Amino acid sequence: MRSRTVTAPFPIDVARTLAPLRRGGGDPTMRTAPGEVWRASRTPEGPVTAHFVAATDGIRVEAWGEGAEWLLERAPGWCGALDDDSDFDPPAGPIRDLWRRHRAVRIPRTERIVESLVPVILEQKVTGAEARRAYRRVAAALAEPAPGPAGLSLPPDPERLAELPYFAFHPFGVERRRAELIRAVCAKAGWIDAGAALPLAQARARLEAFAGIGPWTVAEVSRLALGDADAVSVGDFHLPHLVSWVLAHEPRGTDARMLELLEPYRPHRGRVLRLLLASGIRPPAFGPRMAARAIDRF
């Protein structure tokens, strides 16, 4: 086991900062508690389990496995300590209030692009419950024990996912379109992940090169893996309503209206979305919900 302490000039709630990496309570790759996160990952140097825990002098990070040094070197990014908010000064109003209350929720930078991309693809055009169930099934089917004492499993191996035929995803509840996209990106995992060392626009362009990856998917991945504080998830089922409700007191919104309302916050539009999601605010609920499907039963 190796360790280091990460410090920052602002407070960090590491559990809430890294919470978007967790795909539901049954995610075998991650466990959280207030002020504490256990996370398994695959790095270019090998598998790792990291333990992030709040301490009096910062965030204590412990790591086990062949990828320990790689992760510890990048631990400030994972914790959100590299998240630059120096020019974020929202005017008086709801966002300023949320920023005051939730400033410790940061934008992380894990550099594990494909590791975030696979579960995000599983979230395309389905309900959250469907996506979380599919990810649990994939992770269980390809389970490999992670190093360290936490008893976690490693995220699914991209090489093994690339080798699966599309119909092998059917029992996981994943139809051919998403299965083929996962296979395609995993076949190019090394090239995609190498984008983390490139300027943000170039890293995003590598994702956009794949048919089936659009603005929503790019934004969701960029906000987790690349530290993109301006990433806007255009095409989301819920976010336009949330943004319109909080910023304009309009119970329903569109992507166009969301972009209009977020424009004054550029280049921190993704930060505003993260604050809204962290707040627990919900717009008025009416109208039909997205119907869940049981693809594995067809």
Protein backbone atom coordinates (compact mmCIF):
# COMPACT_ATOMS: atom_id res chain seq x y z
CA MET A 1 0.00 0.00 0.00
CA ARG A 2 1.23 3.50 -0.89
CA SER A 3 -0.30 6.81 0.15
CA ARG A 4 -0.23 10.58 -0.15
CA THR A 5 -2.24 13.56 1.10
CA VAL A 6 -3.94 15.90 -1.36
CA THR A 7 -4.50 19.52 -0.37
CA ALA A 8 -6.37 22.34 -2.09
CA PRO A 9 -7.15 26.01 -1.40
CA PHE A 10 -10.85 25.15 -1.14
CA PRO A 11 -12.90 22.53 0.69
CA ILE A 12 -13.39 19.15 -0.99
CA ASP A 13 -16.22 16.74 -0.29
CA VAL A 14 -14.57 13.73 -1.88
CA ALA A 15 -17.59 11.44 -1.54
CA ARG A 16 -19.92 13.84 -3.36
CA THR A 17 -17.23 14.83 -5.87
CA LEU A 18 -16.68 11.23 -6.95
CA ALA A 19 -20.31 10.15 -6.51
CA PRO A 20 -21.11 10.37 -10.27
CA LEU A 21 -18.58 7.58 -10.89
CA ARG A 22 -20.75 5.15 -8.92
CA ARG A 23 -23.43 3.36 -10.93
CA GLY A 24 -26.01 2.71 -8.24
CA GLY A 25 -25.83 1.05 -4.86
CA GLY A 26 -24.93 -2.32 -6.37
CA ASP A 27 -21.87 -1.08 -8.29
CA PRO A 28 -19.17 -3.65 -7.40
CA THR A 29 -16.34 -1.30 -8.41
CA MET A 30 -17.01 1.44 -5.87
CA ARG A 31 -18.19 2.02 -2.31
CA THR A 32 -18.87 5.36 -0.61
CA ALA A 33 -19.65 6.74 2.82
CA PRO A 34 -19.66 10.32 4.11
CA GLY A 35 -16.11 11.62 3.66
CA GLU A 36 -14.84 8.34 2.21
CA VAL A 37 -14.61 6.56 -1.15
CA TRP A 38 -13.25 3.18 -2.20
CA ARG A 39 -12.75 2.88 -5.96
CA ALA A 40 -11.28 0.16 -8.18
CA SER A 41 -9.83 1.14 -11.53
CA ARG A 42 -7.70 -0.05 -14.43
CA THR A 43 -4.71 2.16 -15.16
CA PRO A 44 -2.05 1.97 -17.91
CA GLU A 45 0.23 0.46 -15.25
CA GLY A 46 -2.24 -2.15 -14.02
CA PRO A 47 -5.19 -2.55 -11.64
CA VAL A 48 -5.58 -0.40 -8.54
CA THR A 49 -7.86 0.12 -5.59
CA ALA A 50 -7.86 3.62 -4.14
CA HIS A 51 -9.17 4.75 -0.78
CA PHE A 52 -9.98 8.46 -0.49
CA VAL A 53 -10.79 9.71 3.00
CA ALA A 54 -11.20 13.19 4.43
CA ALA A 55 -8.48 14.15 6.92
CA THR A 56 -7.71 17.27 8.91
CA ASP A 57 -4.93 18.27 6.50
CA GLY A 58 -6.66 17.38 3.22
CA ILE A 59 -7.68 14.17 1.48
CA ARG A 60 -5.73 11.07 2.45
CA VAL A 61 -5.33 8.75 -0.57
CA GLU A 62 -4.17 5.16 -0.19
CA ALA A 63 -3.64 2.83 -3.16
CA TRP A 64 -3.03 -0.87 -3.68
CA GLY A 65 -1.96 -2.74 -6.81
CA GLU A 66 0.26 -2.29 -9.84
CA GLY A 67 -1.45 0.99 -10.72
CA ALA A 68 -0.90 2.56 -7.30
CA GLU A 69 1.85 4.98 -8.33
CA TRP A 70 -0.06 6.03 -11.45
CA LEU A 71 -3.17 6.84 -9.45
CA LEU A 72 -1.37 8.58 -6.59
CA GLU A 73 0.38 10.84 -9.08
CA ARG A 74 -3.04 11.83 -10.44
CA ALA A 75 -4.87 11.83 -7.10
CA PRO A 76 -5.32 15.64 -7.06
CA GLY A 77 -7.29 15.38 -10.29
CA TRP A 78 -9.41 12.53 -8.97
CA CYS A 79 -10.22 14.49 -5.80
CA GLY A 80 -11.12 17.67 -7.68
CA ALA A 81 -8.15 19.58 -6.27
CA LEU A 82 -7.19 20.71 -9.80
CA ASP A 83 -10.67 22.11 -10.45
CA ASP A 84 -10.11 25.79 -11.29
CA ASP A 85 -12.99 27.97 -10.10
CA SER A 86 -10.99 31.20 -9.92
CA ASP A 87 -13.18 33.00 -12.48
CA PHE A 88 -16.50 31.59 -11.30
CA ASP A 89 -18.43 34.39 -9.62
CA PRO A 90 -22.16 33.86 -10.18
CA PRO A 91 -24.41 36.87 -9.65
CA ALA A 92 -26.83 37.08 -6.75
CA GLY A 93 -29.50 34.46 -7.17
CA PRO A 94 -30.03 30.72 -6.92
CA ILE A 95 -26.68 29.64 -8.40
CA ARG A 96 -24.71 31.89 -6.08
CA ASP A 97 -26.65 30.42 -3.15
CA LEU A 98 -25.97 26.87 -4.35
CA TRP A 99 -22.28 27.67 -4.84
CA ARG A 100 -22.05 28.95 -1.29
CA ARG A 101 -23.64 25.75 0.09
CA HIS A 102 -22.05 23.17 -2.21
CA ARG A 103 -18.63 24.59 -3.08
CA ALA A 104 -16.99 21.42 -1.75
CA VAL A 105 -18.53 19.45 -4.65
CA ARG A 106 -15.80 19.64 -7.27
CA ILE A 107 -15.28 18.60 -10.89
CA PRO A 108 -12.94 15.55 -10.93
CA ARG A 109 -10.42 14.53 -13.57
CA THR A 110 -9.78 10.77 -13.51
CA GLU A 111 -8.19 10.45 -16.99
CA ARG A 112 -9.90 7.05 -17.32
CA ILE A 113 -12.01 7.96 -20.33
CA VAL A 114 -13.20 4.54 -21.49
CA GLU A 115 -13.87 3.51 -17.90
CA SER A 116 -16.42 6.33 -17.72
CA LEU A 117 -17.55 5.93 -21.32
CA VAL A 118 -18.83 2.35 -21.05
CA PRO A 119 -21.41 3.03 -18.30
CA VAL A 120 -22.41 6.30 -19.99
CA ILE A 121 -23.12 4.43 -23.23
CA LEU A 122 -25.26 2.04 -21.20
CA GLU A 123 -27.25 5.09 -20.06
CA GLN A 124 -28.10 6.20 -23.60
CA LYS A 125 -31.84 6.33 -24.30
CA VAL A 126 -32.86 4.22 -21.29
CA THR A 127 -33.93 4.85 -17.71
CA GLY A 128 -31.35 5.15 -14.97
CA ALA A 129 -32.55 1.90 -13.38
CA GLU A 130 -32.07 0.03 -16.66
CA ALA A 131 -28.57 1.42 -17.11
CA ARG A 132 -27.47 0.62 -13.56
CA ARG A 133 -28.84 -2.91 -13.84
CA ALA A 134 -27.04 -3.46 -17.14
CA TYR A 135 -23.74 -2.23 -15.73
CA ARG A 136 -24.05 -4.49 -12.67
CA ARG A 137 -24.70 -7.47 -14.93
CA VAL A 138 -21.75 -6.70 -17.20
CA ALA A 139 -19.44 -6.15 -14.22
CA ALA A 140 -20.60 -9.39 -12.58
CA ALA A 141 -20.20 -11.43 -15.77
CA LEU A 142 -16.63 -10.20 -16.29
CA ALA A 143 -15.73 -9.87 -12.61
CA GLU A 144 -12.06 -9.74 -11.64
CA PRO A 145 -11.08 -9.05 -8.02
CA ALA A 146 -9.47 -5.68 -7.42
CA PRO A 147 -6.31 -5.46 -5.30
CA GLY A 148 -6.43 -4.30 -1.71
CA PRO A 149 -8.68 -4.95 1.28
CA ALA A 150 -11.98 -3.50 0.07
CA GLY A 151 -13.34 -6.58 -1.72
CA LEU A 152 -14.19 -4.63 -4.88
CA SER A 153 -14.25 -5.85 -8.47
CA LEU A 154 -12.38 -4.16 -11.28
CA PRO A 155 -14.38 -2.31 -13.93
CA PRO A 156 -15.04 -4.46 -17.02
CA ASP A 157 -11.91 -5.04 -19.09
CA PRO A 158 -12.21 -3.13 -22.41
CA GLU A 159 -10.29 -5.84 -24.24
CA ARG A 160 -12.78 -8.50 -23.15
CA LEU A 161 -15.75 -6.25 -23.97
CA ALA A 162 -14.37 -5.66 -27.46
CA GLU A 163 -14.15 -9.42 -28.05
CA LEU A 164 -17.75 -10.17 -27.04
CA PRO A 165 -20.24 -10.61 -29.90
CA TYR A 166 -23.12 -8.15 -29.75
CA PHE A 167 -25.61 -10.87 -28.84
CA ALA A 168 -23.62 -11.69 -25.68
CA PHE A 169 -24.81 -8.33 -24.30
CA HIS A 170 -28.46 -9.34 -24.64
CA PRO A 171 -28.64 -11.10 -21.22
CA PHE A 172 -27.30 -7.89 -19.69
CA GLY A 173 -30.33 -5.99 -21.03
CA VAL A 174 -28.34 -4.25 -23.80
CA GLU A 175 -29.63 -4.16 -27.38
CA ARG A 176 -27.43 -4.40 -30.45
CA ARG A 177 -26.92 -0.65 -31.00
CA ARG A 178 -25.38 0.03 -27.60
CA ALA A 179 -23.52 -3.30 -27.62
CA GLU A 180 -21.87 -2.54 -30.97
CA LEU A 181 -20.89 0.94 -29.77
CA ILE A 182 -19.32 -0.47 -26.61
CA ARG A 183 -17.42 -3.02 -28.69
CA ALA A 184 -16.20 -0.29 -31.05
CA VAL A 185 -14.92 2.10 -28.37
CA CYS A 186 -13.33 -0.71 -26.36
CA ALA A 187 -11.45 -1.87 -29.46
CA LYS A 188 -9.91 1.63 -29.54
CA ALA A 189 -9.58 2.03 -25.77
CA GLY A 190 -5.87 2.82 -25.78
CA TRP A 191 -6.28 5.55 -28.40
CA ILE A 192 -9.27 7.07 -26.62
CA ASP A 193 -7.62 7.04 -23.19
CA ALA A 194 -4.47 8.62 -24.63
CA GLY A 195 -6.65 11.64 -25.35
CA ALA A 196 -6.41 12.57 -21.67
CA ALA A 197 -2.93 13.91 -22.39
CA LEU A 198 -4.22 16.12 -25.23
CA PRO A 199 -5.96 19.50 -25.09
CA LEU A 200 -9.59 19.14 -24.08
CA ALA A 201 -10.97 19.86 -27.56
CA GLN A 202 -8.84 17.12 -29.09
CA ALA A 203 -9.80 14.61 -26.41
CA ARG A 204 -13.46 15.35 -27.03
CA ALA A 205 -12.92 15.02 -30.79
CA ARG A 206 -11.68 11.46 -30.30
CA LEU A 207 -15.00 10.59 -28.68
CA GLU A 208 -17.00 12.40 -31.33
CA ALA A 209 -15.29 10.32 -34.03
CA PHE A 210 -17.55 7.37 -33.17
CA ALA A 211 -21.01 7.12 -34.70
CA GLY A 212 -23.40 6.85 -31.78
CA ILE A 213 -21.49 9.22 -29.50
CA GLY A 214 -23.12 12.63 -29.44
CA PRO A 215 -23.04 15.77 -27.30
CA TRP A 216 -24.75 14.16 -24.29
CA THR A 217 -22.29 11.27 -24.05
CA VAL A 218 -19.26 13.51 -24.64
CA ALA A 219 -20.37 15.92 -21.93
CA GLU A 220 -21.07 13.21 -19.36
CA VAL A 221 -17.64 11.66 -19.90
CA SER A 222 -15.76 14.98 -20.14
CA ARG A 223 -17.14 16.16 -16.80
CA LEU A 224 -15.82 13.04 -15.05
CA ALA A 225 -12.68 11.98 -16.87
CA LEU A 226 -11.37 15.25 -18.30
CA GLY A 227 -12.28 17.84 -15.65
CA ASP A 228 -14.45 19.79 -18.09
CA ALA A 229 -16.32 22.36 -15.99
CA ASP A 230 -18.18 23.67 -19.04
CA ALA A 231 -19.62 20.37 -20.30
CA VAL A 232 -23.37 20.61 -20.99
CA SER A 233 -25.36 17.41 -21.41
CA VAL A 234 -27.54 18.39 -24.36
CA GLY A 235 -30.15 15.71 -24.98
CA ASP A 236 -30.72 14.80 -21.34
CA PHE A 237 -34.26 13.79 -20.39
CA HIS A 238 -34.33 15.75 -17.10
CA LEU A 239 -31.72 18.54 -17.12
CA PRO A 240 -33.57 21.08 -19.32
CA HIS A 241 -36.53 21.00 -16.92
CA LEU A 242 -34.27 21.36 -13.86
CA VAL A 243 -32.34 24.30 -15.36
CA SER A 244 -35.50 26.04 -16.53
CA TRP A 245 -37.18 25.58 -13.15
CA VAL A 246 -34.30 26.89 -11.04
CA LEU A 247 -33.11 29.71 -13.32
CA ALA A 248 -36.42 30.88 -14.80
CA HIS A 249 -39.11 29.25 -12.65
CA GLU A 250 -40.43 27.52 -15.74
CA PRO A 251 -41.59 23.95 -14.97
CA ARG A 252 -40.63 22.60 -18.39
CA GLY A 253 -37.67 23.38 -20.61
CA THR A 254 -35.94 22.41 -23.84
CA ASP A 255 -32.29 22.02 -24.78
CA ALA A 256 -32.41 25.40 -26.50
CA ARG A 257 -33.84 27.07 -23.40
CA MET A 258 -31.30 25.33 -21.16
CA LEU A 259 -28.41 26.57 -23.30
CA GLU A 260 -29.85 30.09 -23.30
CA LEU A 261 -30.13 30.15 -19.51
CA LEU A 262 -26.67 28.66 -18.99
CA GLU A 263 -24.85 30.93 -21.46
CA PRO A 264 -24.00 33.64 -18.86
CA TYR A 265 -22.15 31.01 -16.82
CA ARG A 266 -19.74 29.94 -19.57
CA PRO A 267 -17.06 28.46 -19.07
CA HIS A 268 -18.65 26.93 -15.99
CA ARG A 269 -21.92 25.64 -17.39
CA GLY A 270 -21.08 22.09 -16.36
CA ARG A 271 -20.31 23.31 -12.86
CA VAL A 272 -23.75 24.90 -12.69
CA LEU A 273 -25.33 21.60 -13.74
CA ARG A 274 -23.33 19.77 -11.08
CA LEU A 275 -24.49 22.25 -8.44
CA LEU A 276 -28.10 21.83 -9.52
CA LEU A 277 -27.84 18.06 -9.32
CA ALA A 278 -26.10 18.24 -5.94
CA SER A 279 -28.83 20.49 -4.57
CA GLY A 280 -31.55 17.85 -4.69
CA ILE A 281 -33.96 20.36 -6.25
CA ARG A 282 -36.58 18.79 -8.51
CA PRO A 283 -38.88 20.55 -10.99
CA PRO A 284 -42.62 19.89 -10.70
CA ALA A 285 -43.36 16.35 -11.81
CA PHE A 286 -46.14 15.83 -14.30
CA GLY A 287 -46.57 14.02 -17.57
CA PRO A 288 -45.42 10.51 -18.50
CA ARG A 289 -42.10 9.12 -17.39
CA MET A 290 -39.73 7.33 -19.73
CA ALA A 291 -40.88 3.72 -19.87
CA ALA A 292 -38.44 1.05 -18.80
CA ARG A 293 -37.73 -1.85 -21.13
CA ALA A 294 -36.65 -5.44 -20.46
CA ILE A 295 -34.46 -6.08 -23.49
CA ASP A 296 -33.16 -9.37 -22.11
CA ARG A 297 -36.71 -10.80 -22.22
CA PHE A 298 -37.31 -10.11 -25.90
